[in-house]
Amino acid sequence: MNITKFIKRVTSILDTDISKKNNEKKRIKSLLKKLRLKRKDIEKLLIPNITKKEKKILKEELEMINIHIKKGENILKKLKMEA
């Protein structure tokens, strides 16, 4: 996945806007930080007394966020190697 596609997908998931003035590393670091915060929020919502349907939806969203975090970390590693 190329960097611009990753940034577009994650910003749409997070409903946020990342300044285009920042370089790619800073934008990805910022997105990863926001993804990790969202992951913590979802993990807090996964309490035992929610319905199975709600739990399933939250787990799917959590899985998607974890995948994006891994992709972002891989892209960040590649960028650091190039520098």
PDB file of N, CA and C in Angstrom:
ATOM      1  N   MET A   1       0.851  -1.169   0.000  1.00  0.00           N
ATOM      2  CA  MET A   1       0.000   0.000   0.000  1.00  0.00           C
ATOM      3  C   MET A   1       0.895   1.230   0.000  1.00  0.00           C
ATOM      4  N   ASN A   2       0.611   2.151  -0.873  1.00  0.00           N
ATOM      5  CA  ASN A   2       1.464   3.318  -0.907  1.00  0.00           C
ATOM      6  C   ASN A   2       1.052   4.308   0.180  1.00  0.00           C
ATOM      7  N   ILE A   3       1.912   5.250   0.455  1.00  0.00           N
ATOM      8  CA  ILE A   3       1.768   6.131   1.600  1.00  0.00           C
ATOM      9  C   ILE A   3       0.530   7.014   1.490  1.00  0.00           C
ATOM     10  N   THR A   4       0.282   7.569   0.333  1.00  0.00           N
ATOM     11  CA  THR A   4      -0.863   8.465   0.194  1.00  0.00           C
ATOM     12  C   THR A   4      -2.189   7.723   0.360  1.00  0.00           C
ATOM     13  N   LYS A   5      -2.270   6.480  -0.134  1.00  0.00           N
ATOM     14  CA  LYS A   5      -3.487   5.693   0.051  1.00  0.00           C
ATOM     15  C   LYS A   5      -3.711   5.402   1.530  1.00  0.00           C
ATOM     16  N   PHE A   6      -2.626   5.043   2.228  1.00  0.00           N
ATOM     17  CA  PHE A   6      -2.721   4.763   3.653  1.00  0.00           C
ATOM     18  C   PHE A   6      -3.236   5.992   4.399  1.00  0.00           C
ATOM     19  N   ILE A   7      -2.661   7.146   4.098  1.00  0.00           N
ATOM     20  CA  ILE A   7      -3.055   8.378   4.789  1.00  0.00           C
ATOM     21  C   ILE A   7      -4.521   8.703   4.509  1.00  0.00           C
ATOM     22  N   LYS A   8      -4.957   8.544   3.267  1.00  0.00           N
ATOM     23  CA  LYS A   8      -6.355   8.826   2.920  1.00  0.00           C
ATOM     24  C   LYS A   8      -7.306   7.886   3.639  1.00  0.00           C
ATOM     25  N   ARG A   9      -6.979   6.599   3.664  1.00  0.00           N
ATOM     26  CA  ARG A   9      -7.858   5.621   4.321  1.00  0.00           C
ATOM     27  C   ARG A   9      -7.972   5.883   5.814  1.00  0.00           C
ATOM     28  N   VAL A  10      -6.852   6.106   6.442  1.00  0.00           N
ATOM     29  CA  VAL A  10      -6.863   6.283   7.896  1.00  0.00           C
ATOM     30  C   VAL A  10      -7.543   7.598   8.280  1.00  0.00           C
ATOM     31  N   THR A  11      -7.307   8.655   7.524  1.00  0.00           N
ATOM     32  CA  THR A  11      -7.977   9.915   7.847  1.00  0.00           C
ATOM     33  C   THR A  11      -9.483   9.796   7.669  1.00  0.00           C
ATOM     34  N   SER A  12      -9.923   8.985   6.707  1.00  0.00           N
ATOM     35  CA  SER A  12     -11.365   8.798   6.543  1.00  0.00           C
ATOM     36  C   SER A  12     -11.940   7.962   7.682  1.00  0.00           C
ATOM     37  N   ILE A  13     -11.188   7.005   8.171  1.00  0.00           N
ATOM     38  CA  ILE A  13     -11.645   6.182   9.293  1.00  0.00           C
ATOM     39  C   ILE A  13     -11.742   7.029  10.563  1.00  0.00           C
ATOM     40  N   LEU A  14     -10.743   7.864  10.779  1.00  0.00           N
ATOM     41  CA  LEU A  14     -10.691   8.670  11.994  1.00  0.00           C
ATOM     42  C   LEU A  14     -11.496   9.958  11.891  1.00  0.00           C
ATOM     43  N   ASP A  15     -12.027  10.260  10.735  1.00  0.00           N
ATOM     44  CA  ASP A  15     -12.744  11.515  10.495  1.00  0.00           C
ATOM     45  C   ASP A  15     -11.911  12.708  10.960  1.00  0.00           C
ATOM     46  N   THR A  16     -10.694  12.767  10.486  1.00  0.00           N
ATOM     47  CA  THR A  16      -9.773  13.824  10.873  1.00  0.00           C
ATOM     48  C   THR A  16      -9.068  14.361   9.644  1.00  0.00           C
ATOM     49  N   ASP A  17      -8.382  15.448   9.817  1.00  0.00           N
ATOM     50  CA  ASP A  17      -7.624  16.040   8.724  1.00  0.00           C
ATOM     51  C   ASP A  17      -6.202  16.248   9.217  1.00  0.00           C
ATOM     52  N   ILE A  18      -5.253  15.808   8.436  1.00  0.00           N
ATOM     53  CA  ILE A  18      -3.847  15.953   8.782  1.00  0.00           C
ATOM     54  C   ILE A  18      -3.253  17.014   7.874  1.00  0.00           C
ATOM     55  N   SER A  19      -2.535  17.931   8.462  1.00  0.00           N
ATOM     56  CA  SER A  19      -1.938  19.028   7.709  1.00  0.00           C
ATOM     57  C   SER A  19      -1.019  18.498   6.619  1.00  0.00           C
ATOM     58  N   LYS A  20      -1.168  19.038   5.427  1.00  0.00           N
ATOM     59  CA  LYS A  20      -0.326  18.609   4.312  1.00  0.00           C
ATOM     60  C   LYS A  20       1.029  19.297   4.356  1.00  0.00           C
ATOM     61  N   LYS A  21       1.176  20.251   5.283  1.00  0.00           N
ATOM     62  CA  LYS A  21       2.457  20.928   5.424  1.00  0.00           C
ATOM     63  C   LYS A  21       3.500  19.994   6.029  1.00  0.00           C
ATOM     64  N   ASN A  22       3.049  19.069   6.856  1.00  0.00           N
ATOM     65  CA  ASN A  22       3.975  18.126   7.486  1.00  0.00           C
ATOM     66  C   ASN A  22       4.497  17.133   6.461  1.00  0.00           C
ATOM     67  N   ASN A  23       5.681  16.627   6.710  1.00  0.00           N
ATOM     68  CA  ASN A  23       6.194  15.603   5.804  1.00  0.00           C
ATOM     69  C   ASN A  23       5.509  14.269   6.101  1.00  0.00           C
ATOM     70  N   GLU A  24       5.785  13.283   5.288  1.00  0.00           N
ATOM     71  CA  GLU A  24       5.090  11.999   5.390  1.00  0.00           C
ATOM     72  C   GLU A  24       5.317  11.326   6.734  1.00  0.00           C
ATOM     73  N   LYS A  25       6.538  11.378   7.248  1.00  0.00           N
ATOM     74  CA  LYS A  25       6.818  10.735   8.531  1.00  0.00           C
ATOM     75  C   LYS A  25       5.973  11.328   9.647  1.00  0.00           C
ATOM     76  N   LYS A  26       5.891  12.651   9.681  1.00  0.00           N
ATOM     77  CA  LYS A  26       5.123  13.302  10.738  1.00  0.00           C
ATOM     78  C   LYS A  26       3.635  12.995  10.607  1.00  0.00           C
ATOM     79  N   ARG A  27       3.134  12.964   9.376  1.00  0.00           N
ATOM     80  CA  ARG A  27       1.713  12.652   9.185  1.00  0.00           C
ATOM     81  C   ARG A  27       1.408  11.233   9.630  1.00  0.00           C
ATOM     82  N   ILE A  28       2.285  10.294   9.281  1.00  0.00           N
ATOM     83  CA  ILE A  28       2.052   8.905   9.658  1.00  0.00           C
ATOM     84  C   ILE A  28       2.164   8.739  11.170  1.00  0.00           C
ATOM     85  N   LYS A  29       3.144   9.390  11.787  1.00  0.00           N
ATOM     86  CA  LYS A  29       3.270   9.322  13.244  1.00  0.00           C
ATOM     87  C   LYS A  29       2.015   9.872  13.924  1.00  0.00           C
ATOM     88  N   SER A  30       1.500  10.960  13.405  1.00  0.00           N
ATOM     89  CA  SER A  30       0.294  11.557  13.961  1.00  0.00           C
ATOM     90  C   SER A  30      -0.900  10.619  13.809  1.00  0.00           C
ATOM     91  N   LEU A  31      -1.032  10.012  12.636  1.00  0.00           N
ATOM     92  CA  LEU A  31      -2.130   9.072  12.399  1.00  0.00           C
ATOM     93  C   LEU A  31      -2.007   7.846  13.296  1.00  0.00           C
ATOM     94  N   LEU A  32      -0.790   7.343  13.479  1.00  0.00           N
ATOM     95  CA  LEU A  32      -0.592   6.190  14.355  1.00  0.00           C
ATOM     96  C   LEU A  32      -0.978   6.530  15.787  1.00  0.00           C
ATOM     97  N   LYS A  33      -0.638   7.718  16.225  1.00  0.00           N
ATOM     98  CA  LYS A  33      -0.992   8.148  17.577  1.00  0.00           C
ATOM     99  C   LYS A  33      -2.515   8.168  17.740  1.00  0.00           C
ATOM    100  N   LYS A  34      -3.215   8.708  16.742  1.00  0.00           N
ATOM    101  CA  LYS A  34      -4.671   8.774  16.795  1.00  0.00           C
ATOM    102  C   LYS A  34      -5.289   7.381  16.716  1.00  0.00           C
ATOM    103  N   LEU A  35      -4.704   6.507  15.907  1.00  0.00           N
ATOM    104  CA  LEU A  35      -5.205   5.127  15.827  1.00  0.00           C
ATOM    105  C   LEU A  35      -5.055   4.416  17.161  1.00  0.00           C
ATOM    106  N   ARG A  36      -3.927   4.610  17.814  1.00  0.00           N
ATOM    107  CA  ARG A  36      -3.706   3.969  19.121  1.00  0.00           C
ATOM    108  C   ARG A  36      -4.694   4.495  20.160  1.00  0.00           C
ATOM    109  N   LEU A  37      -4.988   5.787  20.121  1.00  0.00           N
ATOM    110  CA  LEU A  37      -5.981   6.345  21.038  1.00  0.00           C
ATOM    111  C   LEU A  37      -7.366   5.763  20.771  1.00  0.00           C
ATOM    112  N   LYS A  38      -7.700   5.633  19.506  1.00  0.00           N
ATOM    113  CA  LYS A  38      -9.000   5.054  19.150  1.00  0.00           C
ATOM    114  C   LYS A  38      -9.073   3.593  19.590  1.00  0.00           C
ATOM    115  N   ARG A  39      -7.941   2.866  19.450  1.00  0.00           N
ATOM    116  CA  ARG A  39      -7.901   1.471  19.891  1.00  0.00           C
ATOM    117  C   ARG A  39      -8.151   1.380  21.391  1.00  0.00           C
ATOM    118  N   LYS A  40      -7.552   2.270  22.172  1.00  0.00           N
ATOM    119  CA  LYS A  40      -7.772   2.277  23.623  1.00  0.00           C
ATOM    120  C   LYS A  40      -9.226   2.569  23.956  1.00  0.00           C
ATOM    121  N   ASP A  41      -9.827   3.508  23.231  1.00  0.00           N
ATOM    122  CA  ASP A  41     -11.232   3.836  23.463  1.00  0.00           C
ATOM    123  C   ASP A  41     -12.132   2.636  23.190  1.00  0.00           C
ATOM    124  N   ILE A  42     -11.862   1.929  22.116  1.00  0.00           N
ATOM    125  CA  ILE A  42     -12.671   0.762  21.776  1.00  0.00           C
ATOM    126  C   ILE A  42     -12.475  -0.343  22.808  1.00  0.00           C
ATOM    127  N   GLU A  43     -11.235  -0.546  23.240  1.00  0.00           N
ATOM    128  CA  GLU A  43     -10.971  -1.575  24.247  1.00  0.00           C
ATOM    129  C   GLU A  43     -11.711  -1.275  25.545  1.00  0.00           C
ATOM    130  N   LYS A  44     -11.854  -0.005  25.882  1.00  0.00           N
ATOM    131  CA  LYS A  44     -12.613   0.373  27.076  1.00  0.00           C
ATOM    132  C   LYS A  44     -14.089   0.055  26.912  1.00  0.00           C
ATOM    133  N   LEU A  45     -14.587   0.155  25.686  1.00  0.00           N
ATOM    134  CA  LEU A  45     -16.002  -0.120  25.425  1.00  0.00           C
ATOM    135  C   LEU A  45     -16.328  -1.614  25.439  1.00  0.00           C
ATOM    136  N   LEU A  46     -15.320  -2.444  25.312  1.00  0.00           N
ATOM    137  CA  LEU A  46     -15.541  -3.897  25.286  1.00  0.00           C
ATOM    138  C   LEU A  46     -15.710  -4.435  26.708  1.00  0.00           C
ATOM    139  N   ILE A  47     -16.760  -4.010  27.348  1.00  0.00           N
ATOM    140  CA  ILE A  47     -17.054  -4.478  28.695  1.00  0.00           C
ATOM    141  C   ILE A  47     -18.008  -5.657  28.602  1.00  0.00           C
ATOM    142  N   PRO A  48     -18.042  -6.494  29.613  1.00  0.00           N
ATOM    143  CA  PRO A  48     -18.845  -7.721  29.532  1.00  0.00           C
ATOM    144  C   PRO A  48     -20.345  -7.525  29.369  1.00  0.00           C
ATOM    145  N   ASN A  49     -20.905  -6.410  29.794  1.00  0.00           N
ATOM    146  CA  ASN A  49     -22.356  -6.278  29.759  1.00  0.00           C
ATOM    147  C   ASN A  49     -22.878  -5.525  28.532  1.00  0.00           C
ATOM    148  N   ILE A  50     -22.239  -5.720  27.391  1.00  0.00           N
ATOM    149  CA  ILE A  50     -22.795  -5.210  26.139  1.00  0.00           C
ATOM    150  C   ILE A  50     -23.327  -6.391  25.344  1.00  0.00           C
ATOM    151  N   THR A  51     -24.170  -6.114  24.380  1.00  0.00           N
ATOM    152  CA  THR A  51     -24.771  -7.195  23.608  1.00  0.00           C
ATOM    153  C   THR A  51     -23.728  -7.842  22.691  1.00  0.00           C
ATOM    154  N   LYS A  52     -24.051  -9.052  22.266  1.00  0.00           N
ATOM    155  CA  LYS A  52     -23.140  -9.772  21.370  1.00  0.00           C
ATOM    156  C   LYS A  52     -22.959  -9.032  20.054  1.00  0.00           C
ATOM    157  N   LYS A  53     -24.024  -8.439  19.564  1.00  0.00           N
ATOM    158  CA  LYS A  53     -23.954  -7.720  18.292  1.00  0.00           C
ATOM    159  C   LYS A  53     -23.023  -6.512  18.410  1.00  0.00           C
ATOM    160  N   GLU A  54     -23.166  -5.752  19.504  1.00  0.00           N
ATOM    161  CA  GLU A  54     -22.298  -4.601  19.729  1.00  0.00           C
ATOM    162  C   GLU A  54     -20.849  -5.040  19.897  1.00  0.00           C
ATOM    163  N   LYS A  55     -20.655  -6.132  20.612  1.00  0.00           N
ATOM    164  CA  LYS A  55     -19.306  -6.646  20.843  1.00  0.00           C
ATOM    165  C   LYS A  55     -18.663  -7.067  19.529  1.00  0.00           C
ATOM    166  N   LYS A  56     -19.449  -7.710  18.663  1.00  0.00           N
ATOM    167  CA  LYS A  56     -18.939  -8.149  17.366  1.00  0.00           C
ATOM    168  C   LYS A  56     -18.515  -6.954  16.519  1.00  0.00           C
ATOM    169  N   ILE A  57     -19.340  -5.923  16.506  1.00  0.00           N
ATOM    170  CA  ILE A  57     -19.027  -4.719  15.733  1.00  0.00           C
ATOM    171  C   ILE A  57     -17.758  -4.062  16.259  1.00  0.00           C
ATOM    172  N   LEU A  58     -17.640  -3.938  17.574  1.00  0.00           N
ATOM    173  CA  LEU A  58     -16.456  -3.329  18.167  1.00  0.00           C
ATOM    174  C   LEU A  58     -15.200  -4.147  17.894  1.00  0.00           C
ATOM    175  N   LYS A  59     -15.314  -5.465  17.943  1.00  0.00           N
ATOM    176  CA  LYS A  59     -14.156  -6.318  17.661  1.00  0.00           C
ATOM    177  C   LYS A  59     -13.715  -6.181  16.206  1.00  0.00           C
ATOM    178  N   GLU A  60     -14.664  -6.078  15.286  1.00  0.00           N
ATOM    179  CA  GLU A  60     -14.318  -5.900  13.880  1.00  0.00           C
ATOM    180  C   GLU A  60     -13.610  -4.564  13.667  1.00  0.00           C
ATOM    181  N   GLU A  61     -14.114  -3.529  14.317  1.00  0.00           N
ATOM    182  CA  GLU A  61     -13.485  -2.216  14.199  1.00  0.00           C
ATOM    183  C   GLU A  61     -12.089  -2.235  14.824  1.00  0.00           C
ATOM    184  N   LEU A  62     -11.955  -2.908  15.940  1.00  0.00           N
ATOM    185  CA  LEU A  62     -10.662  -3.032  16.602  1.00  0.00           C
ATOM    186  C   LEU A  62      -9.671  -3.782  15.725  1.00  0.00           C
ATOM    187  N   GLU A  63     -10.123  -4.830  15.070  1.00  0.00           N
ATOM    188  CA  GLU A  63      -9.266  -5.595  14.161  1.00  0.00           C
ATOM    189  C   GLU A  63      -8.802  -4.730  12.990  1.00  0.00           C
ATOM    190  N   MET A  64      -9.711  -3.933  12.438  1.00  0.00           N
ATOM    191  CA  MET A  64      -9.370  -3.056  11.329  1.00  0.00           C
ATOM    192  C   MET A  64      -8.342  -2.010  11.768  1.00  0.00           C
ATOM    193  N   ILE A  65      -8.518  -1.463  12.946  1.00  0.00           N
ATOM    194  CA  ILE A  65      -7.573  -0.473  13.467  1.00  0.00           C
ATOM    195  C   ILE A  65      -6.212  -1.107  13.698  1.00  0.00           C
ATOM    196  N   ASN A  66      -6.185  -2.317  14.239  1.00  0.00           N
ATOM    197  CA  ASN A  66      -4.913  -3.003  14.451  1.00  0.00           C
ATOM    198  C   ASN A  66      -4.175  -3.250  13.138  1.00  0.00           C
ATOM    199  N   ILE A  67      -4.909  -3.592  12.102  1.00  0.00           N
ATOM    200  CA  ILE A  67      -4.303  -3.802  10.779  1.00  0.00           C
ATOM    201  C   ILE A  67      -3.697  -2.504  10.266  1.00  0.00           C
ATOM    202  N   HIS A  68      -4.424  -1.407  10.421  1.00  0.00           N
ATOM    203  CA  HIS A  68      -3.908  -0.114   9.964  1.00  0.00           C
ATOM    204  C   HIS A  68      -2.696   0.316  10.779  1.00  0.00           C
ATOM    205  N   ILE A  69      -2.678  -0.003  12.052  1.00  0.00           N
ATOM    206  CA  ILE A  69      -1.511   0.327  12.877  1.00  0.00           C
ATOM    207  C   ILE A  69      -0.286  -0.439  12.377  1.00  0.00           C
ATOM    208  N   LYS A  70      -0.461  -1.714  12.087  1.00  0.00           N
ATOM    209  CA  LYS A  70       0.656  -2.514  11.580  1.00  0.00           C
ATOM    210  C   LYS A  70       1.162  -1.972  10.246  1.00  0.00           C
ATOM    211  N   LYS A  71       0.234  -1.635   9.349  1.00  0.00           N
ATOM    212  CA  LYS A  71       0.631  -1.088   8.051  1.00  0.00           C
ATOM    213  C   LYS A  71       1.370   0.230   8.224  1.00  0.00           C
ATOM    214  N   GLY A  72       0.865   1.073   9.097  1.00  0.00           N
ATOM    215  CA  GLY A  72       1.509   2.357   9.342  1.00  0.00           C
ATOM    216  C   GLY A  72       2.904   2.197   9.916  1.00  0.00           C
ATOM    217  N   GLU A  73       3.067   1.264  10.834  1.00  0.00           N
ATOM    218  CA  GLU A  73       4.393   1.021  11.410  1.00  0.00           C
ATOM    219  C   GLU A  73       5.358   0.501  10.355  1.00  0.00           C
ATOM    220  N   ASN A  74       4.879  -0.358   9.467  1.00  0.00           N
ATOM    221  CA  ASN A  74       5.730  -0.865   8.380  1.00  0.00           C
ATOM    222  C   ASN A  74       6.139   0.258   7.434  1.00  0.00           C
ATOM    223  N   ILE A  75       5.213   1.122   7.089  1.00  0.00           N
ATOM    224  CA  ILE A  75       5.531   2.249   6.211  1.00  0.00           C
ATOM    225  C   ILE A  75       6.539   3.166   6.889  1.00  0.00           C
ATOM    226  N   LEU A  76       6.348   3.403   8.173  1.00  0.00           N
ATOM    227  CA  LEU A  76       7.262   4.266   8.918  1.00  0.00           C
ATOM    228  C   LEU A  76       8.663   3.671   8.961  1.00  0.00           C
ATOM    229  N   LYS A  77       8.762   2.351   9.135  1.00  0.00           N
ATOM    230  CA  LYS A  77      10.073   1.683   9.123  1.00  0.00           C
ATOM    231  C   LYS A  77      10.753   1.858   7.764  1.00  0.00           C
ATOM    232  N   LYS A  78       9.988   1.700   6.677  1.00  0.00           N
ATOM    233  CA  LYS A  78      10.556   1.866   5.340  1.00  0.00           C
ATOM    234  C   LYS A  78      11.060   3.284   5.131  1.00  0.00           C
ATOM    235  N   LEU A  79      10.281   4.258   5.606  1.00  0.00           N
ATOM    236  CA  LEU A  79      10.697   5.652   5.470  1.00  0.00           C
ATOM    237  C   LEU A  79      11.976   5.943   6.254  1.00  0.00           C
ATOM    238  N   LYS A  80      12.086   5.342   7.437  1.00  0.00           N
ATOM    239  CA  LYS A  80      13.291   5.550   8.249  1.00  0.00           C
ATOM    240  C   LYS A  80      14.506   4.919   7.597  1.00  0.00           C
ATOM    241  N   MET A  81      14.307   3.779   6.936  1.00  0.00           N
ATOM    242  CA  MET A  81      15.423   3.112   6.250  1.00  0.00           C
ATOM    243  C   MET A  81      15.916   3.940   5.063  1.00  0.00           C
ATOM    244  N   GLU A  82      14.980   4.588   4.377  1.00  0.00           N
ATOM    245  CA  GLU A  82      15.339   5.394   3.211  1.00  0.00           C
ATOM    246  C   GLU A  82      16.106   6.658   3.583  1.00  0.00           C
ATOM    247  N   ALA A  83      15.836   7.158   4.784  1.00  0.00           N
ATOM    248  CA  ALA A  83      16.483   8.418   5.201  1.00  0.00           C
ATOM    249  C   ALA A  83      17.914   8.235   5.622  1.00  0.00           C
TER     250      ALA A  83
END
